[in-house]
Amino acid sequence: MNESVVSERRRHPRFPGAHAAKVYLPRALRFAGAETADLSVGGALLRVDRSRPIAAGDEIEVAIAHGEECVAPAALLRRARVVRVSAMDHYHQAVAVEFADSGTLSAAA
């Protein structure tokens, strides 16, 4: 895939960074710990424990901790749609999400 095709698919620039995060999985009625790999105004790439199955198309909620905080408060939860899921290793999965609103990145900054 050439660079122009990739840039056309991305609506917002991405910023690499590892921030503590958590996801709420309504289907399972459970939270799962997570960490960001990158962020943009429109979405994020998350590293999530594989013990909580997540599928493309799932509607989830994501909270991202501020700065150096180690805990992502539930008050920061934002709705998101899972765009893509892939295995990272035996214990983690990469979960790409698109936020339902654009306030998520500014809340995490």
C-alpha atoms as a PDB file:
ATOM      1  CA  MET A   1       0.000   0.000   0.000  1.00  0.00           C
ATOM      2  CA  ASN A   2       1.501   3.346  -0.938  1.00  0.00           C
ATOM      3  CA  GLU A   3       1.762   6.317   1.406  1.00  0.00           C
ATOM      4  CA  SER A   4      -0.919   8.404  -0.345  1.00  0.00           C
ATOM      5  CA  VAL A   5      -3.529   5.684   0.209  1.00  0.00           C
ATOM      6  CA  VAL A   6      -2.652   5.472   3.916  1.00  0.00           C
ATOM      7  CA  SER A   7      -2.809   9.248   4.351  1.00  0.00           C
ATOM      8  CA  GLU A   8      -6.222   9.342   2.648  1.00  0.00           C
ATOM      9  CA  ARG A   9      -7.618   6.767   5.107  1.00  0.00           C
ATOM     10  CA  ARG A  10      -6.419   8.708   8.161  1.00  0.00           C
ATOM     11  CA  ARG A  11      -8.557  11.689   9.042  1.00  0.00           C
ATOM     12  CA  HIS A  12      -6.388  12.783  11.986  1.00  0.00           C
ATOM     13  CA  PRO A  13      -2.655  12.661  12.716  1.00  0.00           C
ATOM     14  CA  ARG A  14      -1.548   9.968  15.172  1.00  0.00           C
ATOM     15  CA  PHE A  15       0.683  10.551  18.170  1.00  0.00           C
ATOM     16  CA  PRO A  16       2.675   7.633  19.594  1.00  0.00           C
ATOM     17  CA  GLY A  17       2.522   7.249  23.349  1.00  0.00           C
ATOM     18  CA  ALA A  18       1.942   4.742  26.098  1.00  0.00           C
ATOM     19  CA  HIS A  19      -0.802   5.850  28.487  1.00  0.00           C
ATOM     20  CA  ALA A  20      -2.636   3.713  31.007  1.00  0.00           C
ATOM     21  CA  ALA A  21      -6.145   2.971  29.781  1.00  0.00           C
ATOM     22  CA  LYS A  22      -9.085   0.697  30.389  1.00  0.00           C
ATOM     23  CA  VAL A  23     -11.935  -0.534  28.264  1.00  0.00           C
ATOM     24  CA  TYR A  24     -15.461  -1.402  29.304  1.00  0.00           C
ATOM     25  CA  LEU A  25     -16.949  -4.306  27.379  1.00  0.00           C
ATOM     26  CA  PRO A  26     -20.766  -4.018  27.598  1.00  0.00           C
ATOM     27  CA  ARG A  27     -21.262  -7.492  26.099  1.00  0.00           C
ATOM     28  CA  ALA A  28     -19.268  -9.041  28.974  1.00  0.00           C
ATOM     29  CA  LEU A  29     -20.253  -6.407  31.578  1.00  0.00           C
ATOM     30  CA  ARG A  30     -16.558  -6.164  32.506  1.00  0.00           C
ATOM     31  CA  PHE A  31     -13.561  -3.864  32.384  1.00  0.00           C
ATOM     32  CA  ALA A  32     -10.210  -4.852  30.889  1.00  0.00           C
ATOM     33  CA  GLY A  33      -6.874  -3.167  31.485  1.00  0.00           C
ATOM     34  CA  ALA A  34      -5.261  -1.540  28.465  1.00  0.00           C
ATOM     35  CA  GLU A  35      -2.450   0.715  27.324  1.00  0.00           C
ATOM     36  CA  THR A  36      -2.356   3.069  24.356  1.00  0.00           C
ATOM     37  CA  ALA A  37       0.148   2.534  21.551  1.00  0.00           C
ATOM     38  CA  ASP A  38      -0.940   5.679  19.724  1.00  0.00           C
ATOM     39  CA  LEU A  39      -3.701   8.289  19.868  1.00  0.00           C
ATOM     40  CA  SER A  40      -5.462  10.644  17.505  1.00  0.00           C
ATOM     41  CA  VAL A  41      -8.461  12.920  17.837  1.00  0.00           C
ATOM     42  CA  GLY A  42     -10.541  10.243  16.122  1.00  0.00           C
ATOM     43  CA  GLY A  43      -9.267   7.022  17.679  1.00  0.00           C
ATOM     44  CA  ALA A  44      -6.536   4.966  19.296  1.00  0.00           C
ATOM     45  CA  LEU A  45      -4.580   1.762  19.060  1.00  0.00           C
ATOM     46  CA  LEU A  46      -4.824  -0.114  22.359  1.00  0.00           C
ATOM     47  CA  ARG A  47      -2.981  -3.089  23.821  1.00  0.00           C
ATOM     48  CA  VAL A  48      -5.628  -5.150  25.660  1.00  0.00           C
ATOM     49  CA  ASP A  49      -5.511  -8.431  27.601  1.00  0.00           C
ATOM     50  CA  ARG A  50      -6.582 -11.319  25.321  1.00  0.00           C
ATOM     51  CA  SER A  51      -8.611 -12.956  28.110  1.00  0.00           C
ATOM     52  CA  ARG A  52     -11.412 -10.538  27.156  1.00  0.00           C
ATOM     53  CA  PRO A  53     -12.444 -11.349  23.575  1.00  0.00           C
ATOM     54  CA  ILE A  54     -13.084  -8.252  21.468  1.00  0.00           C
ATOM     55  CA  ALA A  55     -14.241  -8.269  17.840  1.00  0.00           C
ATOM     56  CA  ALA A  56     -14.313  -5.709  15.040  1.00  0.00           C
ATOM     57  CA  GLY A  57     -17.642  -3.899  15.139  1.00  0.00           C
ATOM     58  CA  ASP A  58     -18.014  -4.154  18.941  1.00  0.00           C
ATOM     59  CA  GLU A  59     -19.171  -1.001  20.705  1.00  0.00           C
ATOM     60  CA  ILE A  60     -16.999  -0.439  23.780  1.00  0.00           C
ATOM     61  CA  GLU A  61     -16.047   2.392  26.128  1.00  0.00           C
ATOM     62  CA  VAL A  62     -12.474   3.603  26.563  1.00  0.00           C
ATOM     63  CA  ALA A  63     -10.853   5.666  29.348  1.00  0.00           C
ATOM     64  CA  ILE A  64      -7.323   7.020  28.937  1.00  0.00           C
ATOM     65  CA  ALA A  65      -5.311   8.269  31.936  1.00  0.00           C
ATOM     66  CA  HIS A  66      -3.998  11.833  32.030  1.00  0.00           C
ATOM     67  CA  GLY A  67      -0.250  12.335  31.586  1.00  0.00           C
ATOM     68  CA  GLU A  68       1.737  10.078  33.904  1.00  0.00           C
ATOM     69  CA  GLU A  69      -1.255   8.777  35.897  1.00  0.00           C
ATOM     70  CA  CYS A  70      -1.319   5.001  36.317  1.00  0.00           C
ATOM     71  CA  VAL A  71      -5.095   4.685  36.543  1.00  0.00           C
ATOM     72  CA  ALA A  72      -7.690   5.722  33.975  1.00  0.00           C
ATOM     73  CA  PRO A  73     -10.741   7.029  35.882  1.00  0.00           C
ATOM     74  CA  ALA A  74     -14.136   5.681  34.815  1.00  0.00           C
ATOM     75  CA  ALA A  75     -15.341   9.305  34.606  1.00  0.00           C
ATOM     76  CA  LEU A  76     -13.256   9.608  31.409  1.00  0.00           C
ATOM     77  CA  LEU A  77     -15.027   6.753  29.597  1.00  0.00           C
ATOM     78  CA  ARG A  78     -15.883   7.564  25.966  1.00  0.00           C
ATOM     79  CA  ARG A  79     -17.841   5.427  23.509  1.00  0.00           C
ATOM     80  CA  ALA A  80     -15.839   3.839  20.706  1.00  0.00           C
ATOM     81  CA  ARG A  81     -16.299   1.329  17.897  1.00  0.00           C
ATOM     82  CA  VAL A  82     -13.732  -1.419  17.377  1.00  0.00           C
ATOM     83  CA  VAL A  83     -12.337  -1.136  13.853  1.00  0.00           C
ATOM     84  CA  ARG A  84      -9.735  -3.916  13.909  1.00  0.00           C
ATOM     85  CA  VAL A  85      -8.356  -6.556  16.293  1.00  0.00           C
ATOM     86  CA  SER A  86      -5.148  -8.564  15.904  1.00  0.00           C
ATOM     87  CA  ALA A  87      -3.074 -10.783  18.179  1.00  0.00           C
ATOM     88  CA  MET A  88       0.071  -9.165  19.584  1.00  0.00           C
ATOM     89  CA  ASP A  89       1.394 -12.095  21.597  1.00  0.00           C
ATOM     90  CA  HIS A  90       0.001 -14.939  23.684  1.00  0.00           C
ATOM     91  CA  TYR A  91      -1.422 -12.525  26.286  1.00  0.00           C
ATOM     92  CA  HIS A  92      -2.378  -9.331  24.427  1.00  0.00           C
ATOM     93  CA  GLN A  93      -4.369  -8.139  21.436  1.00  0.00           C
ATOM     94  CA  ALA A  94      -4.053  -4.911  19.449  1.00  0.00           C
ATOM     95  CA  VAL A  95      -7.429  -3.175  19.323  1.00  0.00           C
ATOM     96  CA  ALA A  96      -7.923  -0.223  16.952  1.00  0.00           C
ATOM     97  CA  VAL A  97     -10.879   1.966  17.911  1.00  0.00           C
ATOM     98  CA  GLU A  98     -12.700   4.930  16.438  1.00  0.00           C
ATOM     99  CA  PHE A  99     -14.117   7.320  19.040  1.00  0.00           C
ATOM    100  CA  ALA A 100     -17.787   8.269  18.865  1.00  0.00           C
ATOM    101  CA  ASP A 101     -16.841  11.858  19.797  1.00  0.00           C
ATOM    102  CA  SER A 102     -13.723  13.970  19.327  1.00  0.00           C
ATOM    103  CA  GLY A 103     -13.369  15.015  22.987  1.00  0.00           C
ATOM    104  CA  THR A 104     -11.418  11.914  23.940  1.00  0.00           C
ATOM    105  CA  LEU A 105      -7.923  13.020  22.959  1.00  0.00           C
ATOM    106  CA  SER A 106      -8.296  16.450  24.541  1.00  0.00           C
ATOM    107  CA  ALA A 107      -9.483  14.760  27.751  1.00  0.00           C
ATOM    108  CA  ALA A 108      -6.373  12.554  27.731  1.00  0.00           C
ATOM    109  CA  ALA A 109      -3.961  15.434  27.078  1.00  0.00           C
END
